[in-house]
Amino acid sequence: MAKRRTAKEIENDIFKVVSNIVLRDGLSAVSIKQVAKESRTDISVLTRRFTDDNGLIKAYTGKFDYFINDVLCSIQGKQQEIAGKCTSIA
């Protein structure tokens, strides 16, 4: 029986896969569905943690540089400052 991954191991696997997708296909290719498939993680785990593709990208870019996260949000045209964080608005 396979060992169950810890939350930290799952997060590391997710972000490794995101990095691979970004390097291979670009940031626009990152999606919860693709990351779930490549990381062998149930899609519900990713949606619980990140809500949607934008949340996943924000979490990924936020690990490296707060500036790039703000730039990406601005480019989307959906920027709203709440407690210093960029969030999507409908």
N, C-alpha and C. Protein backbone atom coordinates (compact mmCIF):
# COMPACT_ATOMS: atom_id res chain seq x y z
N MET A 1 0.84 -1.17 0.00
CA MET A 1 0.00 0.00 0.00
C MET A 1 0.89 1.25 0.00
N ALA A 2 0.54 2.21 -0.83
CA ALA A 2 1.32 3.44 -0.95
C ALA A 2 1.16 4.30 0.29
N LYS A 3 2.26 4.93 0.66
CA LYS A 3 2.26 5.84 1.82
C LYS A 3 1.44 7.09 1.48
N ARG A 4 0.62 7.51 2.41
CA ARG A 4 -0.19 8.72 2.22
C ARG A 4 0.72 9.95 2.35
N ARG A 5 0.58 10.90 1.42
CA ARG A 5 1.40 12.11 1.44
C ARG A 5 0.91 13.08 2.51
N THR A 6 1.85 13.78 3.11
CA THR A 6 1.49 14.82 4.07
C THR A 6 1.02 16.06 3.30
N ALA A 7 0.39 17.00 4.00
CA ALA A 7 -0.07 18.24 3.37
C ALA A 7 1.10 18.98 2.72
N LYS A 8 2.24 18.99 3.40
CA LYS A 8 3.43 19.67 2.87
C LYS A 8 3.95 18.97 1.61
N GLU A 9 3.94 17.65 1.61
CA GLU A 9 4.38 16.90 0.43
C GLU A 9 3.45 17.16 -0.75
N ILE A 10 2.16 17.22 -0.49
CA ILE A 10 1.19 17.52 -1.55
C ILE A 10 1.45 18.91 -2.12
N GLU A 11 1.64 19.89 -1.24
CA GLU A 11 1.91 21.25 -1.69
C GLU A 11 3.19 21.31 -2.51
N ASN A 12 4.24 20.64 -2.05
CA ASN A 12 5.50 20.61 -2.80
C ASN A 12 5.30 19.98 -4.17
N ASP A 13 4.57 18.87 -4.22
CA ASP A 13 4.30 18.20 -5.50
C ASP A 13 3.52 19.12 -6.44
N ILE A 14 2.52 19.81 -5.90
CA ILE A 14 1.70 20.72 -6.71
C ILE A 14 2.57 21.82 -7.31
N PHE A 15 3.39 22.46 -6.48
CA PHE A 15 4.19 23.57 -6.98
C PHE A 15 5.32 23.11 -7.91
N LYS A 16 5.82 21.89 -7.74
CA LYS A 16 6.80 21.34 -8.69
C LYS A 16 6.14 21.17 -10.05
N VAL A 17 4.92 20.65 -10.05
CA VAL A 17 4.20 20.46 -11.31
C VAL A 17 3.90 21.81 -11.96
N VAL A 18 3.47 22.79 -11.16
CA VAL A 18 3.22 24.13 -11.71
C VAL A 18 4.50 24.66 -12.36
N SER A 19 5.62 24.53 -11.68
CA SER A 19 6.90 24.98 -12.25
C SER A 19 7.19 24.29 -13.58
N ASN A 20 6.97 22.99 -13.63
CA ASN A 20 7.21 22.25 -14.87
C ASN A 20 6.31 22.74 -16.00
N ILE A 21 5.04 22.99 -15.69
CA ILE A 21 4.11 23.49 -16.71
C ILE A 21 4.53 24.87 -17.20
N VAL A 22 4.90 25.75 -16.26
CA VAL A 22 5.33 27.10 -16.63
C VAL A 22 6.56 27.03 -17.54
N LEU A 23 7.52 26.22 -17.20
CA LEU A 23 8.73 26.09 -18.01
C LEU A 23 8.45 25.46 -19.37
N ARG A 24 7.56 24.50 -19.39
CA ARG A 24 7.27 23.77 -20.62
C ARG A 24 6.32 24.53 -21.54
N ASP A 25 5.23 25.09 -20.95
CA ASP A 25 4.14 25.63 -21.77
C ASP A 25 3.78 27.08 -21.49
N GLY A 26 4.38 27.67 -20.45
CA GLY A 26 4.07 29.05 -20.09
C GLY A 26 3.03 29.13 -18.99
N LEU A 27 2.98 30.28 -18.34
CA LEU A 27 2.08 30.50 -17.22
C LEU A 27 0.61 30.35 -17.60
N SER A 28 0.28 30.72 -18.82
CA SER A 28 -1.13 30.65 -19.25
C SER A 28 -1.64 29.21 -19.36
N ALA A 29 -0.74 28.24 -19.37
CA ALA A 29 -1.14 26.83 -19.48
C ALA A 29 -1.47 26.22 -18.12
N VAL A 30 -1.20 26.95 -17.03
CA VAL A 30 -1.45 26.41 -15.69
C VAL A 30 -2.95 26.38 -15.43
N SER A 31 -3.44 25.21 -15.07
CA SER A 31 -4.85 25.07 -14.67
C SER A 31 -4.93 24.02 -13.57
N ILE A 32 -5.95 24.16 -12.75
CA ILE A 32 -6.15 23.18 -11.68
C ILE A 32 -6.30 21.78 -12.26
N LYS A 33 -7.03 21.67 -13.36
CA LYS A 33 -7.25 20.36 -13.98
C LYS A 33 -5.93 19.72 -14.43
N GLN A 34 -5.08 20.51 -15.09
CA GLN A 34 -3.80 19.97 -15.57
C GLN A 34 -2.87 19.64 -14.41
N VAL A 35 -2.83 20.51 -13.40
CA VAL A 35 -1.97 20.28 -12.24
C VAL A 35 -2.43 19.03 -11.48
N ALA A 36 -3.73 18.86 -11.33
CA ALA A 36 -4.26 17.67 -10.66
C ALA A 36 -3.82 16.41 -11.39
N LYS A 37 -3.94 16.44 -12.70
CA LYS A 37 -3.55 15.28 -13.51
C LYS A 37 -2.07 14.95 -13.37
N GLU A 38 -1.22 15.97 -13.53
CA GLU A 38 0.22 15.73 -13.51
C GLU A 38 0.78 15.47 -12.12
N SER A 39 0.12 15.98 -11.09
CA SER A 39 0.62 15.76 -9.72
C SER A 39 -0.04 14.54 -9.07
N ARG A 40 -0.93 13.90 -9.80
CA ARG A 40 -1.68 12.74 -9.27
C ARG A 40 -2.36 13.11 -7.94
N THR A 41 -3.02 14.27 -7.98
CA THR A 41 -3.74 14.79 -6.82
C THR A 41 -5.18 14.99 -7.24
N ASP A 42 -6.10 14.58 -6.39
CA ASP A 42 -7.51 14.76 -6.72
C ASP A 42 -7.83 16.24 -6.92
N ILE A 43 -8.63 16.52 -7.93
CA ILE A 43 -8.96 17.91 -8.26
C ILE A 43 -9.64 18.62 -7.09
N SER A 44 -10.37 17.89 -6.25
CA SER A 44 -11.04 18.52 -5.10
C SER A 44 -10.02 19.06 -4.09
N VAL A 45 -8.86 18.43 -3.99
CA VAL A 45 -7.80 18.91 -3.09
C VAL A 45 -7.32 20.28 -3.56
N LEU A 46 -7.12 20.42 -4.86
CA LEU A 46 -6.66 21.69 -5.41
C LEU A 46 -7.73 22.78 -5.30
N THR A 47 -8.98 22.46 -5.58
CA THR A 47 -10.03 23.47 -5.50
C THR A 47 -10.27 23.90 -4.05
N ARG A 48 -10.10 22.99 -3.11
CA ARG A 48 -10.22 23.36 -1.69
C ARG A 48 -9.12 24.34 -1.28
N ARG A 49 -7.92 24.10 -1.77
CA ARG A 49 -6.78 24.93 -1.40
C ARG A 49 -6.72 26.26 -2.16
N PHE A 50 -7.09 26.23 -3.44
CA PHE A 50 -6.85 27.40 -4.31
C PHE A 50 -8.11 27.98 -4.95
N THR A 51 -9.23 27.35 -4.82
CA THR A 51 -10.53 27.76 -5.37
C THR A 51 -10.60 27.64 -6.90
N ASP A 52 -9.69 28.30 -7.61
CA ASP A 52 -9.74 28.26 -9.08
C ASP A 52 -8.33 28.43 -9.64
N ASP A 53 -8.24 28.48 -10.98
CA ASP A 53 -6.93 28.60 -11.63
C ASP A 53 -6.19 29.86 -11.19
N ASN A 54 -6.91 30.98 -11.09
CA ASN A 54 -6.27 32.23 -10.67
C ASN A 54 -5.71 32.12 -9.25
N GLY A 55 -6.43 31.46 -8.36
CA GLY A 55 -5.96 31.27 -6.99
C GLY A 55 -4.70 30.43 -6.95
N LEU A 56 -4.64 29.42 -7.80
CA LEU A 56 -3.45 28.58 -7.89
C LEU A 56 -2.26 29.38 -8.39
N ILE A 57 -2.45 30.17 -9.42
CA ILE A 57 -1.37 30.99 -9.98
C ILE A 57 -0.91 32.02 -8.96
N LYS A 58 -1.86 32.65 -8.25
CA LYS A 58 -1.49 33.63 -7.23
C LYS A 58 -0.67 33.00 -6.12
N ALA A 59 -1.07 31.81 -5.68
CA ALA A 59 -0.33 31.11 -4.62
C ALA A 59 1.08 30.76 -5.11
N TYR A 60 1.17 30.31 -6.34
CA TYR A 60 2.47 29.95 -6.91
C TYR A 60 3.39 31.17 -7.03
N THR A 61 2.90 32.22 -7.65
CA THR A 61 3.73 33.41 -7.84
C THR A 61 4.02 34.09 -6.51
N GLY A 62 3.10 34.01 -5.57
CA GLY A 62 3.29 34.62 -4.26
C GLY A 62 4.42 33.99 -3.47
N LYS A 63 4.76 32.75 -3.79
CA LYS A 63 5.87 32.08 -3.11
C LYS A 63 7.22 32.70 -3.48
N PHE A 64 7.27 33.37 -4.61
CA PHE A 64 8.55 33.86 -5.12
C PHE A 64 8.70 35.37 -5.05
N ASP A 65 7.63 36.08 -5.37
CA ASP A 65 7.76 37.52 -5.47
C ASP A 65 6.39 38.17 -5.38
N TYR A 66 6.21 39.02 -4.41
CA TYR A 66 4.92 39.69 -4.26
C TYR A 66 4.65 40.63 -5.43
N PHE A 67 5.68 41.23 -5.99
CA PHE A 67 5.52 42.16 -7.09
C PHE A 67 4.89 41.49 -8.31
N ILE A 68 5.39 40.32 -8.68
CA ILE A 68 4.86 39.64 -9.87
C ILE A 68 3.39 39.28 -9.66
N ASN A 69 3.02 38.95 -8.46
CA ASN A 69 1.63 38.62 -8.16
C ASN A 69 0.75 39.84 -8.44
N ASP A 70 1.17 41.02 -8.01
CA ASP A 70 0.42 42.24 -8.26
C ASP A 70 0.33 42.55 -9.75
N VAL A 71 1.43 42.35 -10.46
CA VAL A 71 1.45 42.62 -11.90
C VAL A 71 0.48 41.70 -12.62
N LEU A 72 0.50 40.42 -12.27
CA LEU A 72 -0.41 39.47 -12.92
C LEU A 72 -1.86 39.84 -12.65
N CYS A 73 -2.17 40.25 -11.44
CA CYS A 73 -3.54 40.66 -11.12
C CYS A 73 -3.93 41.91 -11.91
N SER A 74 -3.02 42.85 -12.05
CA SER A 74 -3.29 44.08 -12.79
C SER A 74 -3.57 43.78 -14.25
N ILE A 75 -2.79 42.89 -14.81
CA ILE A 75 -2.95 42.53 -16.22
C ILE A 75 -4.33 41.95 -16.46
N GLN A 76 -4.84 41.19 -15.50
CA GLN A 76 -6.16 40.60 -15.63
C GLN A 76 -7.25 41.67 -15.58
N GLY A 77 -6.93 42.85 -15.08
CA GLY A 77 -7.92 43.91 -14.97
C GLY A 77 -8.93 43.67 -13.88
N LYS A 78 -8.57 42.88 -12.90
CA LYS A 78 -9.49 42.52 -11.83
C LYS A 78 -8.86 42.78 -10.47
N GLN A 79 -8.17 43.88 -10.34
CA GLN A 79 -7.43 44.12 -9.11
C GLN A 79 -8.27 44.89 -8.10
N GLN A 80 -8.25 44.42 -6.90
CA GLN A 80 -8.90 45.10 -5.78
C GLN A 80 -7.99 44.92 -4.58
N GLU A 81 -7.63 46.01 -3.94
CA GLU A 81 -6.76 45.94 -2.77
C GLU A 81 -7.60 45.72 -1.52
N ILE A 82 -7.36 44.61 -0.87
CA ILE A 82 -8.01 44.30 0.39
C ILE A 82 -6.92 43.77 1.31
N ALA A 83 -6.64 44.52 2.35
CA ALA A 83 -5.62 44.12 3.32
C ALA A 83 -4.30 43.79 2.63
N GLY A 84 -3.98 44.56 1.60
CA GLY A 84 -2.70 44.40 0.91
C GLY A 84 -2.61 43.21 -0.03
N LYS A 85 -3.73 42.56 -0.30
CA LYS A 85 -3.71 41.40 -1.19
C LYS A 85 -4.52 41.69 -2.43
N CYS A 86 -4.07 41.19 -3.54
CA CYS A 86 -4.79 41.32 -4.81
C CYS A 86 -5.80 40.20 -4.89
N THR A 87 -7.05 40.55 -5.12
CA THR A 87 -8.09 39.54 -5.25
C THR A 87 -8.92 39.79 -6.49
N SER A 88 -9.49 38.73 -7.01
CA SER A 88 -10.36 38.84 -8.17
C SER A 88 -11.72 39.38 -7.77
N ILE A 89 -12.28 40.21 -8.62
CA ILE A 89 -13.65 40.67 -8.38
C ILE A 89 -14.47 40.36 -9.61
N ALA A 90 -15.73 40.07 -9.42
CA ALA A 90 -16.59 39.70 -10.55
C ALA A 90 -17.15 40.93 -11.24
